[in-house]
């Protein structure tokens, strides 16, 4: 009754939020990088703990020792569900 629009995975979060905590399906999508990849990035910002922040197709990559504005090559050394950790390739 009264749930014509609801259904599985809809409701409060709509199509973007899914039905599981409103975080969308990002955790289930293929990631644009994998461990061992070497990619060129630009550091867009600095995180609270001092790591540089770059993005690949919207996916966040934290890079220790990088500064905002750096255009560098990084190697992905760790992959999490919502971000990656990279290191500067010397």
PDB file of N, CA and C in Angstrom:
ATOM      1  N   UNK A   1       0.815  -1.188   0.000  1.00  0.00           N
ATOM      2  CA  UNK A   1       0.000   0.000   0.000  1.00  0.00           C
ATOM      3  C   UNK A   1       0.857   1.248   0.000  1.00  0.00           C
ATOM      4  N   UNK A   2       0.630   2.120  -0.949  1.00  0.00           N
ATOM      5  CA  UNK A   2       1.326   3.388  -0.982  1.00  0.00           C
ATOM      6  C   UNK A   2       2.802   3.279  -1.315  1.00  0.00           C
ATOM      7  N   UNK A   3       3.263   2.140  -1.841  1.00  0.00           N
ATOM      8  CA  UNK A   3       4.693   1.964  -2.126  1.00  0.00           C
ATOM      9  C   UNK A   3       4.923   1.704  -3.607  1.00  0.00           C
ATOM     10  N   UNK A   4       4.151   2.388  -4.445  1.00  0.00           N
ATOM     11  CA  UNK A   4       4.243   2.157  -5.877  1.00  0.00           C
ATOM     12  C   UNK A   4       5.619   2.493  -6.433  1.00  0.00           C
ATOM     13  N   UNK A   5       6.306   3.501  -5.861  1.00  0.00           N
ATOM     14  CA  UNK A   5       7.593   3.933  -6.393  1.00  0.00           C
ATOM     15  C   UNK A   5       8.763   3.248  -5.736  1.00  0.00           C
ATOM     16  N   UNK A   6       8.586   2.727  -4.560  1.00  0.00           N
ATOM     17  CA  UNK A   6       9.685   2.172  -3.762  1.00  0.00           C
ATOM     18  C   UNK A   6      10.441   1.085  -4.479  1.00  0.00           C
ATOM     19  N   UNK A   7      10.327  -0.099  -4.026  1.00  0.00           N
ATOM     20  CA  UNK A   7      11.032  -1.200  -4.660  1.00  0.00           C
ATOM     21  C   UNK A   7      12.429  -1.353  -4.107  1.00  0.00           C
ATOM     22  N   UNK A   8      13.073  -2.395  -4.488  1.00  0.00           N
ATOM     23  CA  UNK A   8      14.419  -2.700  -3.991  1.00  0.00           C
ATOM     24  C   UNK A   8      15.434  -1.685  -4.489  1.00  0.00           C
ATOM     25  N   UNK A   9      16.223  -1.133  -3.563  1.00  0.00           N
ATOM     26  CA  UNK A   9      17.292  -0.215  -3.949  1.00  0.00           C
ATOM     27  C   UNK A   9      16.842   1.185  -4.282  1.00  0.00           C
ATOM     28  N   UNK A  10      15.605   1.523  -3.979  1.00  0.00           N
ATOM     29  CA  UNK A  10      15.123   2.881  -4.273  1.00  0.00           C
ATOM     30  C   UNK A  10      14.604   3.478  -2.997  1.00  0.00           C
ATOM     31  N   UNK A  11      13.930   4.583  -3.116  1.00  0.00           N
ATOM     32  CA  UNK A  11      13.378   5.203  -1.918  1.00  0.00           C
ATOM     33  C   UNK A  11      14.175   6.433  -1.564  1.00  0.00           C
ATOM     34  N   UNK A  12      14.603   6.540  -0.328  1.00  0.00           N
ATOM     35  CA  UNK A  12      15.307   7.733   0.144  1.00  0.00           C
ATOM     36  C   UNK A  12      16.479   8.124  -0.731  1.00  0.00           C
ATOM     37  N   UNK A  13      17.293   7.160  -1.117  1.00  0.00           N
ATOM     38  CA  UNK A  13      18.492   7.482  -1.883  1.00  0.00           C
ATOM     39  C   UNK A  13      18.233   7.664  -3.359  1.00  0.00           C
ATOM     40  N   UNK A  14      17.054   7.332  -3.839  1.00  0.00           N
ATOM     41  CA  UNK A  14      16.766   7.438  -5.268  1.00  0.00           C
ATOM     42  C   UNK A  14      17.673   6.504  -6.050  1.00  0.00           C
ATOM     43  N   UNK A  15      17.839   6.782  -7.317  1.00  0.00           N
ATOM     44  CA  UNK A  15      18.678   5.932  -8.149  1.00  0.00           C
ATOM     45  C   UNK A  15      20.145   6.047  -7.782  1.00  0.00           C
ATOM     46  N   UNK A  16      20.583   7.221  -7.350  1.00  0.00           N
ATOM     47  CA  UNK A  16      21.992   7.400  -7.024  1.00  0.00           C
ATOM     48  C   UNK A  16      22.344   6.757  -5.699  1.00  0.00           C
ATOM     49  N   UNK A  17      21.466   6.862  -4.736  1.00  0.00           N
ATOM     50  CA  UNK A  17      21.804   6.399  -3.403  1.00  0.00           C
ATOM     51  C   UNK A  17      21.632   4.919  -3.208  1.00  0.00           C
ATOM     52  N   UNK A  18      20.930   4.259  -4.105  1.00  0.00           N
ATOM     53  CA  UNK A  18      20.689   2.843  -3.898  1.00  0.00           C
ATOM     54  C   UNK A  18      19.863   2.647  -2.645  1.00  0.00           C
ATOM     55  N   UNK A  19      19.873   1.479  -2.111  1.00  0.00           N
ATOM     56  CA  UNK A  19      19.131   1.214  -0.890  1.00  0.00           C
ATOM     57  C   UNK A  19      20.058   0.882   0.250  1.00  0.00           C
ATOM     58  N   UNK A  20      21.326   1.047   0.072  1.00  0.00           N
ATOM     59  CA  UNK A  20      22.299   0.603   1.061  1.00  0.00           C
ATOM     60  C   UNK A  20      23.130   1.770   1.573  1.00  0.00           C
ATOM     61  N   UNK A  21      22.590   2.549   2.481  1.00  0.00           N
ATOM     62  CA  UNK A  21      23.335   3.622   3.111  1.00  0.00           C
ATOM     63  C   UNK A  21      23.489   4.884   2.289  1.00  0.00           C
ATOM     64  N   UNK A  22      22.870   4.979   1.134  1.00  0.00           N
ATOM     65  CA  UNK A  22      22.910   6.205   0.358  1.00  0.00           C
ATOM     66  C   UNK A  22      24.269   6.517  -0.252  1.00  0.00           C
ATOM     67  N   UNK A  23      25.153   5.545  -0.398  1.00  0.00           N
ATOM     68  CA  UNK A  23      26.482   5.811  -0.936  1.00  0.00           C
ATOM     69  C   UNK A  23      26.591   5.453  -2.406  1.00  0.00           C
ATOM     70  N   UNK A  24      25.495   5.121  -3.032  1.00  0.00           N
ATOM     71  CA  UNK A  24      25.543   4.778  -4.445  1.00  0.00           C
ATOM     72  C   UNK A  24      26.186   3.420  -4.649  1.00  0.00           C
ATOM     73  N   UNK A  25      26.573   3.145  -5.873  1.00  0.00           N
ATOM     74  CA  UNK A  25      27.155   1.853  -6.203  1.00  0.00           C
ATOM     75  C   UNK A  25      28.640   1.944  -6.458  1.00  0.00           C
ATOM     76  N   UNK A  26      29.302   3.002  -6.041  1.00  0.00           N
ATOM     77  CA  UNK A  26      30.714   3.204  -6.326  1.00  0.00           C
ATOM     78  C   UNK A  26      31.557   2.006  -5.885  1.00  0.00           C
ATOM     79  N   UNK A  27      31.241   1.423  -4.747  1.00  0.00           N
ATOM     80  CA  UNK A  27      32.011   0.287  -4.254  1.00  0.00           C
ATOM     81  C   UNK A  27      31.891  -0.942  -5.144  1.00  0.00           C
ATOM     82  N   UNK A  28      30.877  -1.005  -5.996  1.00  0.00           N
ATOM     83  CA  UNK A  28      30.655  -2.160  -6.848  1.00  0.00           C
ATOM     84  C   UNK A  28      31.122  -1.935  -8.278  1.00  0.00           C
ATOM     85  N   UNK A  29      31.513  -0.713  -8.605  1.00  0.00           N
ATOM     86  CA  UNK A  29      31.946  -0.405  -9.962  1.00  0.00           C
ATOM     87  C   UNK A  29      33.421  -0.743 -10.127  1.00  0.00           C
ATOM     88  N   UNK A  30      33.841  -1.073 -11.336  1.00  0.00           N
ATOM     89  CA  UNK A  30      35.267  -1.303 -11.560  1.00  0.00           C
ATOM     90  C   UNK A  30      36.042  -0.021 -11.282  1.00  0.00           C
ATOM     91  N   UNK A  31      37.176  -0.162 -10.670  1.00  0.00           N
ATOM     92  CA  UNK A  31      37.995   1.007 -10.356  1.00  0.00           C
ATOM     93  C   UNK A  31      38.886   1.332 -11.547  1.00  0.00           C
ATOM     94  N   UNK A  32      39.188   2.628 -11.762  1.00  0.00           N
ATOM     95  CA  UNK A  32      39.966   3.021 -12.938  1.00  0.00           C
ATOM     96  C   UNK A  32      41.465   2.732 -12.816  1.00  0.00           C
ATOM     97  N   UNK A  33      41.896   2.215 -11.665  1.00  0.00           N
ATOM     98  CA  UNK A  33      43.303   1.868 -11.470  1.00  0.00           C
ATOM     99  C   UNK A  33      43.393   0.516 -10.774  1.00  0.00           C
ATOM    100  N   UNK A  34      44.566  -0.100 -10.863  1.00  0.00           N
ATOM    101  CA  UNK A  34      44.811  -1.331 -10.112  1.00  0.00           C
ATOM    102  C   UNK A  34      46.223  -1.269  -9.543  1.00  0.00           C
ATOM    103  N   UNK A  35      46.506  -2.098  -8.557  1.00  0.00           N
ATOM    104  CA  UNK A  35      47.817  -2.111  -7.926  1.00  0.00           C
ATOM    105  C   UNK A  35      48.885  -2.371  -8.985  1.00  0.00           C
ATOM    106  N   UNK A  36      49.927  -1.540  -8.951  1.00  0.00           N
ATOM    107  CA  UNK A  36      51.020  -1.663  -9.910  1.00  0.00           C
ATOM    108  C   UNK A  36      50.925  -0.713 -11.087  1.00  0.00           C
ATOM    109  N   UNK A  37      49.743  -0.154 -11.344  1.00  0.00           N
ATOM    110  CA  UNK A  37      49.601   0.813 -12.442  1.00  0.00           C
ATOM    111  C   UNK A  37      50.481   2.026 -12.191  1.00  0.00           C
ATOM    112  N   UNK A  38      51.061   2.563 -13.247  1.00  0.00           N
ATOM    113  CA  UNK A  38      51.782   3.830 -13.189  1.00  0.00           C
ATOM    114  C   UNK A  38      51.023   4.809 -14.066  1.00  0.00           C
ATOM    115  N   UNK A  39      50.582   5.909 -13.459  1.00  0.00           N
ATOM    116  CA  UNK A  39      49.770   6.886 -14.184  1.00  0.00           C
ATOM    117  C   UNK A  39      50.279   8.299 -13.910  1.00  0.00           C
ATOM    118  N   UNK A  40      50.037   9.182 -14.870  1.00  0.00           N
ATOM    119  CA  UNK A  40      50.361  10.596 -14.711  1.00  0.00           C
ATOM    120  C   UNK A  40      49.159  11.299 -14.101  1.00  0.00           C
ATOM    121  N   UNK A  41      49.402  12.073 -13.044  1.00  0.00           N
ATOM    122  CA  UNK A  41      48.332  12.792 -12.364  1.00  0.00           C
ATOM    123  C   UNK A  41      48.773  14.205 -12.022  1.00  0.00           C
ATOM    124  N   UNK A  42      47.798  15.032 -11.686  1.00  0.00           N
ATOM    125  CA  UNK A  42      48.075  16.352 -11.135  1.00  0.00           C
ATOM    126  C   UNK A  42      47.482  16.390  -9.734  1.00  0.00           C
ATOM    127  N   UNK A  43      48.263  16.859  -8.769  1.00  0.00           N
ATOM    128  CA  UNK A  43      47.798  16.947  -7.394  1.00  0.00           C
ATOM    129  C   UNK A  43      46.870  18.159  -7.280  1.00  0.00           C
ATOM    130  N   UNK A  44      45.613  17.880  -6.929  1.00  0.00           N
ATOM    131  CA  UNK A  44      44.577  18.921  -6.889  1.00  0.00           C
ATOM    132  C   UNK A  44      44.469  19.605  -5.539  1.00  0.00           C
ATOM    133  N   UNK A  45      44.829  18.894  -4.480  1.00  0.00           N
ATOM    134  CA  UNK A  45      44.652  19.432  -3.131  1.00  0.00           C
ATOM    135  C   UNK A  45      45.545  18.660  -2.170  1.00  0.00           C
ATOM    136  N   UNK A  46      45.558  19.118  -0.922  1.00  0.00           N
ATOM    137  CA  UNK A  46      46.309  18.440   0.123  1.00  0.00           C
ATOM    138  C   UNK A  46      45.317  17.972   1.182  1.00  0.00           C
ATOM    139  N   UNK A  47      45.419  16.704   1.572  1.00  0.00           N
ATOM    140  CA  UNK A  47      44.529  16.132   2.585  1.00  0.00           C
ATOM    141  C   UNK A  47      44.914  16.622   3.974  1.00  0.00           C
ATOM    142  N   UNK A  48      44.041  16.410   4.934  1.00  0.00           N
ATOM    143  CA  UNK A  48      44.263  16.852   6.312  1.00  0.00           C
ATOM    144  C   UNK A  48      45.565  16.305   6.896  1.00  0.00           C
ATOM    145  N   UNK A  49      45.958  15.105   6.501  1.00  0.00           N
ATOM    146  CA  UNK A  49      47.192  14.504   7.029  1.00  0.00           C
ATOM    147  C   UNK A  49      48.413  14.838   6.195  1.00  0.00           C
ATOM    148  N   UNK A  50      48.243  15.686   5.157  1.00  0.00           N
ATOM    149  CA  UNK A  50      49.378  16.167   4.380  1.00  0.00           C
ATOM    150  C   UNK A  50      49.648  15.453   3.069  1.00  0.00           C
ATOM    151  N   UNK A  51      48.903  14.399   2.764  1.00  0.00           N
ATOM    152  CA  UNK A  51      49.089  13.697   1.494  1.00  0.00           C
ATOM    153  C   UNK A  51      48.475  14.508   0.356  1.00  0.00           C
ATOM    154  N   UNK A  52      49.081  14.400  -0.831  1.00  0.00           N
ATOM    155  CA  UNK A  52      48.506  15.013  -2.005  1.00  0.00           C
ATOM    156  C   UNK A  52      47.289  14.225  -2.454  1.00  0.00           C
ATOM    157  N   UNK A  53      46.337  14.919  -3.063  1.00  0.00           N
ATOM    158  CA  UNK A  53      45.129  14.274  -3.572  1.00  0.00           C
ATOM    159  C   UNK A  53      45.070  14.464  -5.081  1.00  0.00           C
ATOM    160  N   UNK A  54      45.025  13.343  -5.783  1.00  0.00           N
ATOM    161  CA  UNK A  54      44.837  13.349  -7.228  1.00  0.00           C
ATOM    162  C   UNK A  54      43.580  12.536  -7.521  1.00  0.00           C
ATOM    163  N   UNK A  55      43.087  12.640  -8.744  1.00  0.00           N
ATOM    164  CA  UNK A  55      41.922  11.843  -9.133  1.00  0.00           C
ATOM    165  C   UNK A  55      42.127  11.262 -10.516  1.00  0.00           C
ATOM    166  N   UNK A  56      41.636  10.054 -10.687  1.00  0.00           N
ATOM    167  CA  UNK A  56      41.606   9.383 -11.987  1.00  0.00           C
ATOM    168  C   UNK A  56      40.161   9.000 -12.231  1.00  0.00           C
ATOM    169  N   UNK A  57      39.534   9.649 -13.202  1.00  0.00           N
ATOM    170  CA  UNK A  57      38.114   9.406 -13.502  1.00  0.00           C
ATOM    171  C   UNK A  57      37.251   9.556 -12.253  1.00  0.00           C
ATOM    172  N   UNK A  58      37.572  10.544 -11.404  1.00  0.00           N
ATOM    173  CA  UNK A  58      36.806  10.809 -10.197  1.00  0.00           C
ATOM    174  C   UNK A  58      37.196   9.964  -9.001  1.00  0.00           C
ATOM    175  N   UNK A  59      38.072   8.988  -9.184  1.00  0.00           N
ATOM    176  CA  UNK A  59      38.509   8.095  -8.114  1.00  0.00           C
ATOM    177  C   UNK A  59      39.718   8.718  -7.417  1.00  0.00           C
ATOM    178  N   UNK A  60      39.650   8.873  -6.105  1.00  0.00           N
ATOM    179  CA  UNK A  60      40.683   9.575  -5.336  1.00  0.00           C
ATOM    180  C   UNK A  60      41.928   8.713  -5.148  1.00  0.00           C
ATOM    181  N   UNK A  61      43.095   9.379  -5.329  1.00  0.00           N
ATOM    182  CA  UNK A  61      44.393   8.739  -5.102  1.00  0.00           C
ATOM    183  C   UNK A  61      45.177   9.634  -4.160  1.00  0.00           C
ATOM    184  N   UNK A  62      45.568   9.100  -2.995  1.00  0.00           N
ATOM    185  CA  UNK A  62      46.398   9.827  -2.039  1.00  0.00           C
ATOM    186  C   UNK A  62      47.863   9.544  -2.354  1.00  0.00           C
ATOM    187  N   UNK A  63      48.674  10.619  -2.361  1.00  0.00           N
ATOM    188  CA  UNK A  63      50.089  10.485  -2.713  1.00  0.00           C
ATOM    189  C   UNK A  63      50.940  11.187  -1.651  1.00  0.00           C
ATOM    190  N   UNK A  64      51.698  10.410  -0.873  1.00  0.00           N
ATOM    191  CA  UNK A  64      52.578  10.971   0.148  1.00  0.00           C
ATOM    192  C   UNK A  64      53.714  11.743  -0.501  1.00  0.00           C
ATOM    193  N   UNK A  65      54.008  12.920   0.060  1.00  0.00           N
ATOM    194  CA  UNK A  65      55.138  13.718  -0.411  1.00  0.00           C
ATOM    195  C   UNK A  65      54.853  14.591  -1.617  1.00  0.00           C
ATOM    196  N   UNK A  66      53.618  14.629  -2.064  1.00  0.00           N
ATOM    197  CA  UNK A  66      53.272  15.459  -3.228  1.00  0.00           C
ATOM    198  C   UNK A  66      52.705  16.795  -2.764  1.00  0.00           C
ATOM    199  N   UNK A  67      52.887  17.801  -3.582  1.00  0.00           N
ATOM    200  CA  UNK A  67      52.390  19.148  -3.291  1.00  0.00           C
ATOM    201  C   UNK A  67      51.332  19.554  -4.305  1.00  0.00           C
ATOM    202  N   UNK A  68      50.427  20.420  -3.873  1.00  0.00           N
ATOM    203  CA  UNK A  68      49.371  20.898  -4.765  1.00  0.00           C
ATOM    204  C   UNK A  68      49.993  21.504  -6.023  1.00  0.00           C
ATOM    205  N   UNK A  69      49.459  21.105  -7.170  1.00  0.00           N
ATOM    206  CA  UNK A  69      49.950  21.595  -8.454  1.00  0.00           C
ATOM    207  C   UNK A  69      50.998  20.706  -9.101  1.00  0.00           C
ATOM    208  N   UNK A  70      51.570  19.764  -8.340  1.00  0.00           N
ATOM    209  CA  UNK A  70      52.567  18.850  -8.916  1.00  0.00           C
ATOM    210  C   UNK A  70      51.944  18.013 -10.026  1.00  0.00           C
ATOM    211  N   UNK A  71      52.664  17.878 -11.136  1.00  0.00           N
ATOM    212  CA  UNK A  71      52.267  16.963 -12.215  1.00  0.00           C
ATOM    213  C   UNK A  71      53.303  15.861 -12.183  1.00  0.00           C
ATOM    214  N   UNK A  72      52.873  14.681 -11.735  1.00  0.00           N
ATOM    215  CA  UNK A  72      53.809  13.594 -11.444  1.00  0.00           C
ATOM    216  C   UNK A  72      53.294  12.250 -11.951  1.00  0.00           C
ATOM    217  N   UNK A  73      54.195  11.306 -11.995  1.00  0.00           N
ATOM    218  CA  UNK A  73      53.826   9.913 -12.282  1.00  0.00           C
ATOM    219  C   UNK A  73      53.779   9.191 -10.947  1.00  0.00           C
ATOM    220  N   UNK A  74      52.692   8.467 -10.705  1.00  0.00           N
ATOM    221  CA  UNK A  74      52.562   7.696  -9.474  1.00  0.00           C
ATOM    222  C   UNK A  74      52.323   6.228  -9.780  1.00  0.00           C
ATOM    223  N   UNK A  75      52.764   5.394  -8.858  1.00  0.00           N
ATOM    224  CA  UNK A  75      52.519   3.947  -8.934  1.00  0.00           C
ATOM    225  C   UNK A  75      51.506   3.608  -7.848  1.00  0.00           C
ATOM    226  N   UNK A  76      50.450   2.924  -8.224  1.00  0.00           N
ATOM    227  CA  UNK A  76      49.424   2.533  -7.264  1.00  0.00           C
ATOM    228  C   UNK A  76      49.961   1.375  -6.438  1.00  0.00           C
ATOM    229  N   UNK A  77      50.033   1.586  -5.107  1.00  0.00           N
ATOM    230  CA  UNK A  77      50.583   0.530  -4.254  1.00  0.00           C
ATOM    231  C   UNK A  77      49.536  -0.125  -3.366  1.00  0.00           C
ATOM    232  N   UNK A  78      48.385   0.533  -3.210  1.00  0.00           N
ATOM    233  CA  UNK A  78      47.321  -0.049  -2.397  1.00  0.00           C
ATOM    234  C   UNK A  78      45.978   0.429  -2.933  1.00  0.00           C
ATOM    235  N   UNK A  79      45.001  -0.455  -2.922  1.00  0.00           N
ATOM    236  CA  UNK A  79      43.676  -0.138  -3.455  1.00  0.00           C
ATOM    237  C   UNK A  79      42.625  -0.458  -2.406  1.00  0.00           C
ATOM    238  N   UNK A  80      41.820   0.537  -2.088  1.00  0.00           N
ATOM    239  CA  UNK A  80      40.709   0.381  -1.144  1.00  0.00           C
ATOM    240  C   UNK A  80      39.410   0.517  -1.926  1.00  0.00           C
ATOM    241  N   UNK A  81      38.285   0.375  -1.234  1.00  0.00           N
ATOM    242  CA  UNK A  81      37.007   0.423  -1.954  1.00  0.00           C
ATOM    243  C   UNK A  81      36.684   1.808  -2.503  1.00  0.00           C
ATOM    244  N   UNK A  82      37.133   2.876  -1.823  1.00  0.00           N
ATOM    245  CA  UNK A  82      36.775   4.218  -2.282  1.00  0.00           C
ATOM    246  C   UNK A  82      37.969   5.101  -2.616  1.00  0.00           C
ATOM    247  N   UNK A  83      39.182   4.582  -2.489  1.00  0.00           N
ATOM    248  CA  UNK A  83      40.372   5.366  -2.814  1.00  0.00           C
ATOM    249  C   UNK A  83      41.564   4.443  -3.033  1.00  0.00           C
ATOM    250  N   UNK A  84      42.642   5.044  -3.551  1.00  0.00           N
ATOM    251  CA  UNK A  84      43.899   4.317  -3.736  1.00  0.00           C
ATOM    252  C   UNK A  84      45.008   5.087  -3.062  1.00  0.00           C
ATOM    253  N   UNK A  85      46.111   4.399  -2.785  1.00  0.00           N
ATOM    254  CA  UNK A  85      47.301   5.030  -2.262  1.00  0.00           C
ATOM    255  C   UNK A  85      48.401   4.827  -3.293  1.00  0.00           C
ATOM    256  N   UNK A  86      49.009   5.933  -3.682  1.00  0.00           N
ATOM    257  CA  UNK A  86      50.063   5.874  -4.691  1.00  0.00           C
ATOM    258  C   UNK A  86      51.362   6.427  -4.147  1.00  0.00           C
ATOM    259  N   UNK A  87      52.456   6.096  -4.831  1.00  0.00           N
ATOM    260  CA  UNK A  87      53.755   6.631  -4.479  1.00  0.00           C
ATOM    261  C   UNK A  87      54.354   7.278  -5.720  1.00  0.00           C
ATOM    262  N   UNK A  88      55.134   8.313  -5.491  1.00  0.00           N
ATOM    263  CA  UNK A  88      55.764   9.021  -6.599  1.00  0.00           C
ATOM    264  C   UNK A  88      56.803   8.111  -7.235  1.00  0.00           C
ATOM    265  N   UNK A  89      56.776   8.023  -8.566  1.00  0.00           N
ATOM    266  CA  UNK A  89      57.771   7.254  -9.305  1.00  0.00           C
ATOM    267  C   UNK A  89      58.962   8.161  -9.546  1.00  0.00           C
ATOM    268  N   UNK A  90      60.114   7.758  -9.078  1.00  0.00           N
ATOM    269  CA  UNK A  90      61.333   8.591  -9.216  1.00  0.00           C
ATOM    270  C   UNK A  90      61.996   8.345 -10.549  1.00  0.00           C
TER     271      UNK A  90
END
